[in-house]
Protein backbone atom coordinates (compact mmCIF):
# COMPACT_ATOMS: atom_id res chain seq x y z
CA UNK A 1 94.22 64.78 53.16
CA UNK A 2 92.92 63.36 56.41
CA UNK A 3 89.33 63.34 57.55
CA UNK A 4 88.28 66.44 59.44
CA UNK A 5 89.37 66.53 63.08
CA UNK A 6 87.85 68.46 65.94
CA UNK A 7 91.01 70.52 66.58
CA UNK A 8 94.30 71.19 64.86
CA UNK A 9 96.94 72.73 67.11
CA UNK A 10 99.69 74.43 65.09
CA UNK A 11 102.92 75.22 66.93
CA UNK A 12 105.35 77.55 65.15
CA UNK A 13 108.62 76.88 66.94
CA UNK A 14 111.28 79.47 66.19
CA UNK A 15 114.21 77.60 67.69
CA UNK A 16 116.96 78.90 65.42
CA UNK A 17 118.34 80.92 68.35
CA UNK A 18 119.31 80.48 71.97
CA UNK A 19 116.04 78.65 72.76
CA UNK A 20 116.81 75.46 70.82
CA UNK A 21 117.13 73.23 73.89
CA UNK A 22 113.83 74.52 75.27
CA UNK A 23 112.19 73.73 71.93
CA UNK A 24 113.30 70.12 72.11
CA UNK A 25 112.04 69.81 75.68
CA UNK A 26 108.62 71.15 74.69
CA UNK A 27 108.48 68.84 71.68
CA UNK A 28 109.03 65.89 74.00
CA UNK A 29 106.17 67.14 76.19
CA UNK A 30 103.88 67.19 73.14
CA UNK A 31 104.94 63.63 72.30
CA UNK A 32 103.84 62.44 75.74
CA UNK A 33 100.31 63.05 74.47
CA UNK A 34 100.45 62.84 70.69
CA UNK A 35 97.86 63.39 67.99
CA UNK A 36 94.64 61.43 67.71
CA UNK A 37 91.93 61.12 65.09
CA UNK A 38 90.15 64.04 66.78
CA UNK A 39 93.15 66.26 67.60
CA UNK A 40 96.09 67.03 65.34
CA UNK A 41 99.29 68.40 66.88
CA UNK A 42 101.45 69.79 64.10
CA UNK A 43 104.76 71.58 64.51
CA UNK A 44 107.10 73.56 62.32
CA UNK A 45 110.55 73.47 63.91
CA UNK A 46 113.57 75.47 62.83
CA UNK A 47 116.63 74.65 64.93
CA UNK A 48 119.98 76.37 65.31
CA UNK A 49 122.15 73.28 64.84
CA UNK A 50 121.21 72.36 61.27
CA UNK A 51 120.21 73.93 57.97
CA UNK A 52 116.78 72.38 57.63
CA UNK A 53 113.25 72.97 58.88
CA UNK A 54 110.92 70.16 59.89
CA UNK A 55 107.15 69.93 59.69
CA UNK A 56 105.73 67.11 61.70
CA UNK A 57 102.52 65.67 63.07
CA UNK A 58 103.41 64.73 66.61
CA UNK A 59 102.42 61.23 67.67
CA UNK A 60 102.67 59.61 71.07
CA UNK A 61 106.09 58.49 72.33
CA UNK A 62 107.95 60.78 69.97
CA UNK A 63 106.97 59.32 66.63
CA UNK A 64 106.04 61.68 63.84
CA UNK A 65 103.92 61.08 60.77
CA UNK A 66 105.10 62.21 58.34
CA UNK A 67 108.23 64.31 58.79
CA UNK A 68 108.49 66.85 56.01
CA UNK A 69 112.02 68.15 55.56
CA UNK A 70 112.28 71.67 54.16
CA UNK A 71 115.35 73.73 53.30
CA UNK A 72 116.53 76.25 55.87
CA UNK A 73 113.77 78.81 56.50
CA UNK A 74 113.58 82.27 58.01
CA UNK A 75 111.08 82.16 60.86
CA UNK A 76 110.89 85.96 60.74
CA UNK A 77 109.56 85.89 57.19
CA UNK A 78 105.73 86.14 57.13
CA UNK A 79 105.49 83.94 54.04
CA UNK A 80 107.08 81.08 56.01
CA UNK A 81 104.44 81.29 58.76
CA UNK A 82 101.69 81.69 56.16
CA UNK A 83 102.87 78.59 54.29
CA UNK A 84 102.88 76.55 57.50
CA UNK A 85 99.32 77.64 58.28
CA UNK A 86 98.15 76.82 54.75
CA UNK A 87 99.87 73.42 54.88
CA UNK A 88 98.22 72.67 58.22
CA UNK A 89 94.73 73.45 56.94
CA UNK A 90 95.25 71.54 53.68
CA UNK A 91 96.63 68.40 55.35
CA UNK A 92 94.98 68.48 58.77
CA UNK A 93 91.59 70.19 58.43
CA UNK A 94 89.61 70.67 61.62
CA UNK A 95 86.55 72.35 63.06
CA UNK A 96 88.78 74.44 65.33
CA UNK A 97 92.29 75.84 65.00
CA UNK A 98 94.83 76.98 67.54
CA UNK A 99 98.15 78.63 66.67
CA UNK A 100 100.95 78.83 69.22
CA UNK A 101 103.74 81.32 68.50
CA UNK A 102 106.74 79.93 70.33
CA UNK A 103 109.67 82.28 70.97
CA UNK A 104 110.83 85.18 73.14
CA UNK A 105 108.37 88.02 73.65
CA UNK A 106 108.05 91.61 74.77
CA UNK A 107 104.57 92.99 74.17
CA UNK A 108 104.13 95.60 71.44
CA UNK A 109 107.68 96.93 71.71
CA UNK A 110 109.91 97.92 68.82
CA UNK A 111 113.28 99.62 69.20
CA UNK A 112 113.27 103.17 67.94
CA UNK A 113 114.92 104.11 64.69
CA UNK A 114 115.49 107.69 63.65
CA UNK A 115 114.56 109.29 60.38
CA UNK A 116 111.69 107.11 59.16
CA UNK A 117 108.50 105.36 60.13
CA UNK A 118 109.36 102.11 61.80
CA UNK A 119 108.14 98.62 61.24
CA UNK A 120 106.78 97.54 64.57
CA UNK A 121 107.27 94.30 66.41
CA UNK A 122 104.77 92.56 68.66
CA UNK A 123 107.47 90.80 70.56
CA UNK A 124 110.84 91.67 72.00
CA UNK A 125 113.56 90.05 73.94
CA UNK A 126 117.21 90.98 74.17
CA UNK A 127 119.19 88.28 72.42
CA UNK A 128 122.52 87.60 74.15
CA UNK A 129 124.51 87.65 70.93
CA UNK A 130 122.96 90.30 68.71
CA UNK A 131 120.56 92.29 70.85
CA UNK A 132 117.84 91.70 68.25
CA UNK A 133 114.25 92.38 69.24
CA UNK A 134 111.28 90.58 67.70
CA UNK A 135 109.18 87.42 67.56
CA UNK A 136 110.24 84.24 65.81
CA UNK A 137 113.64 85.72 65.09
CA UNK A 138 116.14 83.62 63.20
CA UNK A 139 119.86 83.82 63.94
CA UNK A 140 120.91 82.32 60.61
CA UNK A 141 118.78 84.88 58.75
CA UNK A 142 120.53 87.94 60.18
CA UNK A 143 118.20 88.05 63.15
CA UNK A 144 115.08 88.63 61.05
CA UNK A 145 111.79 88.58 62.95
CA UNK A 146 108.07 89.07 62.41
CA UNK A 147 106.83 92.61 62.97
CA UNK A 148 103.31 93.45 64.02
CA UNK A 149 102.11 94.52 60.58
CA UNK A 150 103.33 91.23 59.13
CA UNK A 151 101.69 89.18 61.85
CA UNK A 152 98.42 91.07 61.58
CA UNK A 153 98.26 90.51 57.82
CA UNK A 154 99.27 86.85 58.08
CA UNK A 155 96.52 86.12 60.60
CA UNK A 156 94.00 88.12 58.57
CA UNK A 157 94.88 86.00 55.54
CA UNK A 158 94.49 82.84 57.61
CA UNK A 159 91.10 84.04 58.82
CA UNK A 160 90.05 84.49 55.19
CA UNK A 161 91.38 81.02 54.34
CA UNK A 162 89.22 79.28 56.95
CA UNK A 163 86.29 81.72 56.53
CA UNK A 164 86.32 82.59 60.20
CA UNK A 165 88.56 83.72 63.01
CA UNK A 166 91.47 81.72 64.37
CA UNK A 167 89.92 80.15 67.47
CA UNK A 168 92.89 80.56 69.81
CA UNK A 169 96.20 82.37 69.47
CA UNK A 170 98.61 81.14 72.11
CA UNK A 171 101.64 83.25 72.98
CA UNK A 172 104.25 80.99 74.56
CA UNK A 173 106.39 84.09 74.97
CA UNK A 174 106.96 86.89 77.48
CA UNK A 175 104.90 90.02 78.20
CA UNK A 176 102.23 89.51 75.53
CA UNK A 177 98.94 90.17 77.32
CA UNK A 178 98.61 93.85 76.51
CA UNK A 179 95.68 96.01 75.44
CA UNK A 180 97.74 97.16 72.45
CA UNK A 181 98.46 93.63 71.22
CA UNK A 182 94.85 92.54 71.58
CA UNK A 183 93.64 95.57 69.62
CA UNK A 184 96.04 94.73 66.81
CA UNK A 185 94.73 91.17 66.39
CA UNK A 186 91.07 91.40 67.39
CA UNK A 187 89.69 91.19 63.84
CA UNK A 188 91.24 87.80 63.04
CA UNK A 189 91.48 85.99 66.41
CA UNK A 190 88.75 84.93 68.84
CA UNK A 191 90.79 84.22 71.98
CA UNK A 192 94.34 85.17 73.00
CA UNK A 193 96.24 83.36 75.75
CA UNK A 194 99.56 84.53 77.19
CA UNK A 195 101.44 86.24 80.00
CA UNK A 196 101.73 89.80 81.29
CA UNK A 197 105.04 88.88 82.88
CA UNK A 198 108.24 87.30 81.57
CA UNK A 199 107.79 83.55 81.20
CA UNK A 200 110.22 81.03 82.70
CA UNK A 201 112.19 79.03 80.14
CA UNK A 202 109.93 76.02 80.71
CA UNK A 203 107.05 77.99 79.21
CA UNK A 204 103.79 76.14 78.69
CA UNK A 205 103.22 72.64 80.12
CA UNK A 206 102.28 71.10 76.77
CA UNK A 207 101.76 67.60 78.14
CA UNK A 208 99.01 68.71 80.53
CA UNK A 209 97.42 71.24 78.15
CA UNK A 210 97.26 68.81 75.23
CA UNK A 211 96.21 65.92 77.44
CA UNK A 212 93.12 67.92 78.39
CA UNK A 213 92.32 68.65 74.75
CA UNK A 214 92.75 65.03 73.64
CA UNK A 215 90.42 63.91 76.43
CA UNK A 216 87.91 66.67 75.62
CA UNK A 217 88.05 67.20 71.82
CA UNK A 218 84.60 68.80 71.72
CA UNK A 219 85.64 71.59 74.09
CA UNK A 220 84.70 75.13 73.07
CA UNK A 221 87.55 77.63 72.49
CA UNK A 222 86.70 79.78 75.50
CA UNK A 223 86.68 76.80 77.87
CA UNK A 224 89.95 75.49 76.45
CA UNK A 225 91.53 78.95 76.78
CA UNK A 226 90.56 79.03 80.46
CA UNK A 227 92.00 75.55 80.92
CA UNK A 228 95.33 76.62 79.43
CA UNK A 229 95.53 79.47 81.95
CA UNK A 230 94.72 77.15 84.83
CA UNK A 231 97.18 74.43 83.81
CA UNK A 232 99.97 76.89 83.12
CA UNK A 233 99.71 78.47 86.58
CA UNK A 234 99.26 75.08 88.24
CA UNK A 235 102.43 73.78 86.58
CA UNK A 236 104.47 76.30 88.60
CA UNK A 237 102.61 75.75 91.87
CA UNK A 238 104.90 75.10 94.81
CA UNK A 239 107.97 76.33 93.00
CA UNK A 240 109.94 79.56 93.20
CA UNK A 241 108.92 80.97 89.81
CA UNK A 242 106.66 84.02 89.64
CA UNK A 243 104.24 83.74 86.74
CA UNK A 244 101.08 85.20 85.25
CA UNK A 245 98.74 83.90 82.57
CA UNK A 246 95.44 85.16 81.19
CA UNK A 247 92.98 84.65 78.35
CA UNK A 248 91.26 87.41 76.36
CA UNK A 249 88.06 87.38 74.38
CA UNK A 250 89.39 89.52 71.55
CA UNK A 251 85.88 90.46 70.40
CA UNK A 252 85.42 92.39 73.64
CA UNK A 253 88.68 94.33 73.62
CA UNK A 254 86.73 97.25 72.15
CA UNK A 255 85.07 97.79 75.55
CA UNK A 256 88.45 97.97 77.26
CA UNK A 257 89.76 100.37 74.62
CA UNK A 258 86.70 102.62 75.03
CA UNK A 259 87.10 102.66 78.82
CA UNK A 260 90.80 103.51 78.52
CA UNK A 261 90.03 106.34 76.10
CA UNK A 262 87.31 107.80 78.33
CA UNK A 263 89.57 107.72 81.37
CA UNK A 264 92.47 109.22 79.40
CA UNK A 265 90.30 112.13 78.24
CA UNK A 266 89.38 112.99 81.82
CA UNK A 267 92.93 112.64 83.15
CA UNK A 268 94.35 114.77 80.34
CA UNK A 269 91.82 117.53 81.01
CA UNK A 270 92.80 117.65 84.69
CA UNK A 271 96.58 117.36 84.47
CA UNK A 272 97.13 121.03 85.18
CA UNK A 273 95.95 120.40 88.73
CA UNK A 274 98.82 119.22 90.93
CA UNK A 275 96.51 116.96 92.91
CA UNK A 276 95.69 114.95 89.79
CA UNK A 277 99.24 114.89 88.48
CA UNK A 278 100.54 113.73 91.86
CA UNK A 279 97.77 111.15 92.17
CA UNK A 280 98.57 109.69 88.77
CA UNK A 281 102.28 109.60 89.56
CA UNK A 282 101.56 107.80 92.83
CA UNK A 283 99.32 105.28 91.06
CA UNK A 284 102.09 104.58 88.54
CA UNK A 285 104.64 104.02 91.30
CA UNK A 286 102.36 101.64 93.18
CA UNK A 287 101.14 99.70 90.13
CA UNK A 288 102.48 96.28 89.26
CA UNK A 289 104.91 96.98 86.41
CA UNK A 290 106.73 94.93 83.78
CA UNK A 291 109.49 95.27 81.19
CA UNK A 292 111.77 97.72 82.99
CA UNK A 293 108.72 99.64 84.25
CA UNK A 294 107.44 100.41 80.73
CA UNK A 295 104.20 98.44 81.11
CA UNK A 296 101.70 98.72 83.98
CA UNK A 297 99.00 96.30 84.97
CA UNK A 298 95.73 98.07 84.21
CA UNK A 299 93.78 96.72 87.17
CA UNK A 300 96.37 97.65 89.79
CA UNK A 301 96.82 101.11 88.24
CA UNK A 302 93.09 101.84 88.16
CA UNK A 303 92.52 100.64 91.72
CA UNK A 304 95.21 102.95 93.13
CA UNK A 305 94.22 105.85 90.89
CA UNK A 306 90.71 106.22 92.26
CA UNK A 307 91.96 106.37 95.83
CA UNK A 308 94.73 108.95 95.27
CA UNK A 309 93.20 111.46 92.84
CA UNK A 310 90.71 114.09 94.09
CA UNK A 311 87.26 112.68 94.80
CA UNK A 312 85.15 112.96 91.68
CA UNK A 313 81.99 111.19 90.55
CA UNK A 314 83.13 111.56 86.94
CA UNK A 315 86.51 109.98 87.68
CA UNK A 316 84.93 107.13 89.65
CA UNK A 317 82.51 106.37 86.83
CA UNK A 318 85.35 106.16 84.31
CA UNK A 319 87.67 104.13 86.53
CA UNK A 320 84.88 101.72 87.45
CA UNK A 321 83.98 101.31 83.78
CA UNK A 322 87.58 100.30 83.09
CA UNK A 323 87.66 97.90 86.04
CA UNK A 324 84.36 96.34 84.95
CA UNK A 325 85.70 95.81 81.44
CA UNK A 326 88.65 93.95 82.98
CA UNK A 327 86.67 91.94 85.51
CA UNK A 328 87.27 88.25 84.86
CA UNK A 329 84.14 86.51 83.62
CA UNK A 330 82.11 89.73 83.80
CA UNK A 331 79.45 89.60 81.05
CA UNK A 332 81.04 91.03 77.94
CA UNK A 333 84.41 91.69 79.55
CA UNK A 334 87.58 91.01 77.63
CA UNK A 335 89.38 88.89 80.25
CA UNK A 336 87.82 85.45 80.62
CA UNK A 337 90.52 83.94 82.86
CA UNK A 338 93.53 85.19 84.81
CA UNK A 339 95.90 83.55 87.26
CA UNK A 340 99.25 84.05 88.89
CA UNK A 341 101.89 82.42 91.07
CA UNK A 342 103.84 84.62 93.47
CA UNK A 343 102.71 87.24 95.96
CA UNK A 344 104.10 90.14 93.91
CA UNK A 345 101.49 89.42 91.22
CA UNK A 346 98.43 89.22 93.48
CA UNK A 347 97.12 92.65 92.42
CA UNK A 348 97.38 91.92 88.69
CA UNK A 349 94.29 91.59 86.52
CA UNK A 350 95.63 89.92 83.39
CA UNK A 351 96.17 92.89 81.04
CA UNK A 352 98.86 95.55 80.85
CA UNK A 353 99.29 98.82 78.96
CA UNK A 354 102.25 100.94 77.90
CA UNK A 355 103.05 103.67 80.46
CA UNK A 356 106.75 104.58 80.44
CA UNK A 357 108.46 106.53 83.19
CA UNK A 358 109.63 109.36 80.95
CA UNK A 359 110.35 108.99 77.22
CA UNK A 360 107.64 107.74 74.83
CA UNK A 361 108.89 105.33 72.18
CA UNK A 362 108.19 107.09 68.86
CA UNK A 363 107.04 103.80 67.34
CA UNK A 364 104.05 103.65 69.69
CA UNK A 365 101.94 106.06 67.65
CA UNK A 366 101.84 103.67 64.69
CA UNK A 367 99.92 100.95 66.52
CA UNK A 368 96.26 100.35 65.69
CA UNK A 369 95.58 101.13 69.35
CA UNK A 370 96.42 104.76 68.57
CA UNK A 371 95.14 105.02 65.00
CA UNK A 372 91.73 106.44 65.93
CA UNK A 373 91.04 108.53 69.02
CA UNK A 374 94.45 107.78 70.50
CA UNK A 375 93.48 109.37 73.78
CA UNK A 376 95.88 107.27 75.85
CA UNK A 377 98.82 108.46 73.77
CA UNK A 378 97.72 112.08 74.15
CA UNK A 379 97.50 111.57 77.91
CA UNK A 380 101.02 110.12 77.97
CA UNK A 381 102.38 113.02 75.96
CA UNK A 382 100.92 115.64 78.30
CA UNK A 383 101.68 113.78 81.50
CA UNK A 384 105.30 113.10 80.55
CA UNK A 385 105.96 116.54 79.06
C-alpha cells in the first residue's frame, strides 16, 4: 500500500460498448498528466475488443503501474464497481476521493415495464445495436447496466468504507444534472458535476482537469468542482458544439426540493383556473428542454412562469424561493457553478427536472424524489390529466 495521497481520482470506464474508441482517447488524455505522489489517477477499463478488464494507475506518457488484468467483467454489476472502489482505497488511500462514472447517460430515466415495480436507472442512452438504456452497460453481458438503487447502495457502502462522503461524483455522461438524481445521491456524495444536456463524444477534457489537480493537490472539493465546470466549458469554446456543465453541493439539494414542493402545491391548487393552466403550459413551451422534451431547465421554467401566470404574491414568493435555491454561489444554494457554450443554452441554470409533455413514466414514482411529499409528481398528474 502506498503512502496517503491528497487525492485519488477513480475513473470507472464502461467501454464494452460503442464508446470504446472514446475511452482510449480519454485514457491518453489522462496519460498526458499522469499520477504523482500527491494525486493518484486510477482507472478500471472494460473494452469491447477483448475478454479482460484492466485496472491501472495512470502515469505520464502512457505508462501504467501496475496493470492488473482481471477476467471479463460486467460493468453493470454493482459488485464490480464496489470492488474497484475498495481496491482503490486499499491500494491508493487519499485524503480526498473523486469517482467518475464514464458512459452514456440520460438522467433518472428508466424504460417502462408493465406488470411489476421496475428497477430504475440513473442513466439512459439508446444503444445503436440493442436499444438498451442504463449506465455502465456492458454489451458482452447482455446489455446489463447499473440501476439507480444499485448505484445508491454502492455509493452508500463506499461512504461507510471511508467514514465520510465521496468528495466528488463526476458524471462524464449525458443529461445527469437533475434534481431527481441529486436527491437520490445526496446522503453519500458531497459534490456532483455533470451536464444538463447531451455531451459531445469528446466528453471531459481530462488533460486540463487533471493538470489543474496535479498542480493544486491541496484544493478543496468545491473549488475543484468549479474548476471542472470551467475547464469543460472552455474546452469547447470557439467550436460548434453546444454544451452545459454544472456542479451541485448535494448537501443543499434539500432546499431545492423544498422549493419545488412548495411551488407544486400552489400550482396544483390553482390548476382549475384556465389562466394558471395556460400560464404553466406557456412556461413549459418556452423553457429550455432536454431529452425529447421530457426534462425542463428549472431556472428557465420558473422565470417564464412568474410572468405568465396571474399576478400573485404567494406565487412570486414560491417562484423566487426556487430561483434563490438555484442561484449560483448563493449562500446555501445547491448550484455552486454553471456554464454553457451556445446561445440556445443561455437561459439555463444548471439543473433540470422531469416534466413530460403528456404521459408520465410509471417508474418515476419510485424515485426517492417522490418517496415523501411527492408534490411535484402530484402536480404532474393533475396538470397532464
